[in-house]
Protein backbone atom coordinates (compact mmCIF):
# COMPACT_ATOMS: atom_id res chain seq x y z
CA UNK A 1 -58.49 -9.30 -44.49
CA UNK A 2 -60.64 -7.18 -42.20
CA UNK A 3 -60.29 -9.71 -39.36
CA UNK A 4 -56.49 -9.55 -39.56
CA UNK A 5 -56.10 -5.78 -39.61
CA UNK A 6 -56.52 -5.09 -35.87
CA UNK A 7 -53.74 -7.58 -35.09
CA UNK A 8 -51.22 -6.12 -37.54
CA UNK A 9 -51.36 -2.31 -37.44
CA UNK A 10 -47.76 -2.29 -38.73
CA UNK A 11 -48.92 -3.01 -42.28
CA UNK A 12 -49.52 -0.19 -44.75
CA UNK A 13 -52.66 0.03 -46.92
CA UNK A 14 -50.64 -0.95 -49.99
CA UNK A 15 -49.50 -4.14 -48.25
CA UNK A 16 -53.07 -5.07 -47.33
CA UNK A 17 -54.13 -4.44 -50.91
CA UNK A 18 -51.37 -6.74 -52.17
CA UNK A 19 -52.39 -9.49 -49.75
CA UNK A 20 -56.02 -9.15 -50.80
CA UNK A 21 -55.05 -9.59 -54.45
CA UNK A 22 -52.92 -12.58 -53.50
CA UNK A 23 -55.81 -14.20 -51.63
CA UNK A 24 -58.04 -13.78 -54.68
CA UNK A 25 -55.43 -15.60 -56.78
CA UNK A 26 -55.12 -18.37 -54.20
CA UNK A 27 -58.88 -18.87 -54.36
CA UNK A 28 -58.79 -18.90 -58.14
CA UNK A 29 -56.11 -21.57 -58.18
CA UNK A 30 -57.65 -23.58 -55.34
CA UNK A 31 -60.66 -24.22 -57.55
CA UNK A 32 -58.29 -26.10 -59.87
CA UNK A 33 -55.62 -27.51 -57.53
CA UNK A 34 -56.18 -28.45 -53.91
CA UNK A 35 -53.77 -26.09 -52.15
CA UNK A 36 -56.02 -25.60 -49.13
CA UNK A 37 -58.79 -27.94 -48.04
CA UNK A 38 -61.95 -27.08 -49.96
CA UNK A 39 -63.77 -27.03 -46.62
CA UNK A 40 -61.28 -24.46 -45.31
CA UNK A 41 -61.07 -22.08 -48.26
CA UNK A 42 -63.59 -19.69 -46.68
CA UNK A 43 -61.11 -19.32 -43.80
CA UNK A 44 -58.11 -18.76 -46.08
CA UNK A 45 -57.09 -15.40 -44.66
CA UNK A 46 -57.48 -16.31 -41.00
CA UNK A 47 -56.21 -19.89 -40.97
CA UNK A 48 -53.41 -19.53 -43.54
CA UNK A 49 -52.49 -15.88 -44.05
CA UNK A 50 -52.64 -14.70 -40.43
CA UNK A 51 -50.07 -17.22 -39.11
CA UNK A 52 -47.66 -16.21 -41.89
CA UNK A 53 -48.16 -12.47 -41.42
CA UNK A 54 -47.43 -13.01 -37.71
CA UNK A 55 -43.72 -13.14 -38.56
CA UNK A 56 -43.66 -9.35 -38.75
CA UNK A 57 -43.94 -9.30 -34.96
CA UNK A 58 -40.34 -10.47 -34.61
CA UNK A 59 -38.58 -10.71 -37.99
CA UNK A 60 -36.40 -7.71 -38.88
CA UNK A 61 -34.51 -8.08 -42.15
CA UNK A 62 -31.72 -5.92 -43.53
CA UNK A 63 -31.93 -5.01 -47.21
CA UNK A 64 -30.81 -7.91 -49.38
CA UNK A 65 -31.62 -10.64 -46.86
CA UNK A 66 -32.00 -14.05 -48.47
CA UNK A 67 -34.65 -16.57 -47.48
CA UNK A 68 -35.43 -20.07 -48.73
CA UNK A 69 -38.99 -21.30 -48.29
CA UNK A 70 -38.50 -25.06 -48.35
CA UNK A 71 -41.48 -27.14 -49.44
CA UNK A 72 -43.37 -23.94 -50.19
CA UNK A 73 -46.54 -25.71 -51.35
CA UNK A 74 -49.03 -22.98 -52.19
CA UNK A 75 -46.58 -20.29 -51.08
CA UNK A 76 -47.15 -20.39 -47.32
CA UNK A 77 -45.27 -18.62 -45.85
CA UNK A 78 -42.98 -17.68 -48.75
CA UNK A 79 -45.35 -15.63 -50.91
CA UNK A 80 -46.82 -13.78 -47.94
CA UNK A 81 -43.39 -12.93 -46.55
CA UNK A 82 -42.19 -11.76 -49.96
CA UNK A 83 -45.11 -9.32 -50.08
CA UNK A 84 -44.25 -8.03 -46.59
CA UNK A 85 -40.48 -7.76 -47.11
CA UNK A 86 -39.97 -6.36 -50.63
CA UNK A 87 -36.27 -5.62 -50.03
CA UNK A 88 -35.46 -9.22 -49.14
CA UNK A 89 -34.92 -11.96 -51.72
CA UNK A 90 -36.95 -15.15 -51.55
CA UNK A 91 -36.42 -18.54 -53.15
CA UNK A 92 -39.56 -20.69 -53.09
CA UNK A 93 -38.71 -24.35 -53.63
CA UNK A 94 -40.90 -27.41 -53.99
CA UNK A 95 -40.53 -30.73 -55.79
CA UNK A 96 -44.25 -30.86 -56.71
CA UNK A 97 -44.54 -29.31 -60.17
CA UNK A 98 -48.19 -28.28 -60.00
CA UNK A 99 -47.60 -26.30 -56.81
CA UNK A 100 -44.62 -24.57 -58.37
CA UNK A 101 -46.88 -23.64 -61.29
CA UNK A 102 -49.25 -21.95 -58.83
CA UNK A 103 -46.65 -19.93 -56.93
CA UNK A 104 -44.91 -18.93 -60.16
CA UNK A 105 -48.18 -17.64 -61.58
CA UNK A 106 -49.14 -15.73 -58.44
CA UNK A 107 -45.67 -14.16 -58.10
CA UNK A 108 -45.74 -13.10 -61.76
CA UNK A 109 -49.25 -11.68 -61.68
CA UNK A 110 -48.49 -9.70 -58.54
CA UNK A 111 -45.11 -8.61 -59.96
CA UNK A 112 -43.21 -9.83 -56.94
CA UNK A 113 -39.75 -9.18 -58.34
CA UNK A 114 -38.05 -10.41 -55.16
CA UNK A 115 -39.27 -13.99 -55.70
CA UNK A 116 -37.43 -16.83 -57.46
CA UNK A 117 -39.35 -20.08 -57.84
CA UNK A 118 -37.60 -23.45 -58.21
CA UNK A 119 -39.03 -26.88 -58.97
CA UNK A 120 -36.36 -28.75 -57.04
CA UNK A 121 -35.76 -30.85 -53.98
CA UNK A 122 -34.12 -28.83 -51.21
CA UNK A 123 -31.17 -31.20 -50.91
CA UNK A 124 -30.30 -30.47 -54.55
CA UNK A 125 -29.77 -26.77 -53.85
CA UNK A 126 -26.20 -25.54 -53.50
CA UNK A 127 -26.67 -22.02 -52.11
CA UNK A 128 -26.82 -20.86 -48.51
CA UNK A 129 -29.45 -18.44 -47.20
CA UNK A 130 -29.83 -16.24 -44.15
CA UNK A 131 -33.03 -18.03 -43.19
CA UNK A 132 -34.84 -21.19 -44.19
CA UNK A 133 -38.58 -21.16 -43.57
CA UNK A 134 -41.16 -23.93 -43.64
CA UNK A 135 -44.75 -24.48 -42.63
CA UNK A 136 -45.83 -27.98 -41.62
CA UNK A 137 -43.56 -29.53 -44.26
CA UNK A 138 -42.53 -32.59 -42.24
CA UNK A 139 -41.55 -33.40 -38.66
CA UNK A 140 -39.28 -30.78 -37.14
CA UNK A 141 -36.33 -33.18 -36.63
CA UNK A 142 -36.55 -34.22 -40.28
CA UNK A 143 -36.87 -30.61 -41.49
CA UNK A 144 -33.81 -29.50 -39.53
CA UNK A 145 -31.67 -32.29 -40.97
CA UNK A 146 -32.91 -31.53 -44.48
CA UNK A 147 -32.28 -27.79 -44.53
CA UNK A 148 -29.49 -27.03 -42.07
CA UNK A 149 -26.77 -27.20 -44.76
CA UNK A 150 -28.60 -24.37 -46.52
CA UNK A 151 -28.35 -21.90 -43.59
CA UNK A 152 -25.57 -19.31 -43.76
CA UNK A 153 -23.77 -18.10 -40.65
CA UNK A 154 -24.55 -14.55 -39.58
CA UNK A 155 -26.21 -12.28 -37.05
CA UNK A 156 -26.88 -9.03 -38.90
CA UNK A 157 -30.64 -9.63 -38.95
CA UNK A 158 -32.99 -9.99 -36.00
CA UNK A 159 -33.23 -12.76 -35.00
CA UNK A 160 -29.88 -14.30 -35.99
CA UNK A 161 -29.63 -16.47 -39.11
CA UNK A 162 -31.36 -19.80 -38.79
CA UNK A 163 -34.56 -21.75 -39.33
CA UNK A 164 -38.02 -20.27 -38.88
CA UNK A 165 -40.66 -22.99 -38.77
CA UNK A 166 -44.44 -22.94 -38.42
CA UNK A 167 -45.48 -26.06 -36.50
CA UNK A 168 -48.31 -27.67 -34.60
CA UNK A 169 -48.26 -30.05 -31.68
CA UNK A 170 -46.19 -30.43 -28.55
CA UNK A 171 -43.05 -28.34 -28.29
CA UNK A 172 -41.66 -30.54 -25.54
CA UNK A 173 -41.87 -33.70 -27.65
CA UNK A 174 -39.94 -32.20 -30.55
CA UNK A 175 -37.38 -30.55 -28.28
CA UNK A 176 -36.74 -34.00 -26.82
CA UNK A 177 -36.51 -35.47 -30.31
CA UNK A 178 -34.12 -32.86 -31.69
CA UNK A 179 -32.04 -32.38 -28.56
CA UNK A 180 -31.99 -28.61 -29.09
CA UNK A 181 -34.21 -25.81 -27.84
CA UNK A 182 -35.54 -23.08 -30.12
CA UNK A 183 -34.06 -19.66 -29.47
CA UNK A 184 -37.53 -18.09 -29.70
CA UNK A 185 -41.09 -19.44 -29.63
CA UNK A 186 -44.22 -17.53 -30.60
CA UNK A 187 -47.63 -18.91 -29.71
CA UNK A 188 -50.12 -18.21 -32.49
CA UNK A 189 -52.97 -18.85 -30.06
CA UNK A 190 -51.75 -15.99 -27.86
CA UNK A 191 -50.84 -13.69 -30.71
CA UNK A 192 -54.14 -14.12 -32.58
CA UNK A 193 -56.30 -14.65 -29.49
CA UNK A 194 -58.05 -17.66 -30.96
CA UNK A 195 -58.23 -21.21 -29.61
CA UNK A 196 -58.20 -22.62 -33.14
CA UNK A 197 -54.43 -22.01 -33.02
CA UNK A 198 -53.95 -24.05 -29.84
CA UNK A 199 -50.49 -25.67 -29.87
CA UNK A 200 -49.54 -23.89 -33.06
CA UNK A 201 -46.26 -22.01 -32.97
CA UNK A 202 -43.57 -20.21 -34.91
CA UNK A 203 -40.17 -21.39 -33.70
CA UNK A 204 -36.73 -19.96 -34.48
CA UNK A 205 -33.53 -22.02 -34.32
CA UNK A 206 -30.18 -20.27 -34.56
CA UNK A 207 -27.65 -21.44 -37.14
CA UNK A 208 -25.09 -22.08 -34.43
CA UNK A 209 -27.38 -24.60 -32.68
CA UNK A 210 -28.37 -26.66 -35.71
CA UNK A 211 -25.24 -28.81 -35.82
CA UNK A 212 -26.20 -30.32 -32.47
CA UNK A 213 -29.66 -31.42 -33.62
CA UNK A 214 -30.28 -35.17 -33.54
CA UNK A 215 -31.62 -36.87 -36.69
CA UNK A 216 -35.15 -38.31 -36.65
CA UNK A 217 -35.50 -41.60 -34.77
CA UNK A 218 -35.66 -44.63 -37.00
């Protein structure tokens, strides 16, 4: 985590210690289940943790905020955000059972009491949440259509309720495809000062704009 620390002075020593323990568990599990490319595991903290931690630069949550991490996979960004926002409540959902086994184990071993893990398809959920997060789950138009029924109206947090998505590739192409513009865009290349994050972004879409999004072509 030493490479991350200069970029995120907001984090307390106890938070860094928790993230370090989490990374050790991710490495332990990755030896059994391919959560992260085996070639990339040495870069776990920089390539996978740093983009998730970057949310602290803009995300301000009131106590009791609810977040759904849709298609959580190995827990990116859901587990990392749960460690950073202990007073928010996180639901980590994925339809792949072995990945749910991993995130359940990590959450339990780290005693993350603000995490609920569900082996379920997102469309089968009935609740609404303040935010729905996702990281490279599917195309952005498809993700918006999948999760927008799960987003609750509201503006008590900063930013306003909506979707927060970690994506790569052209912003212009997906704006044209969805027909809506994100309310906020954060360039990970600029934030982390590293060209390996070229065209990688965190985008925020407000709940009030989601109804106008076009479905994926075809």
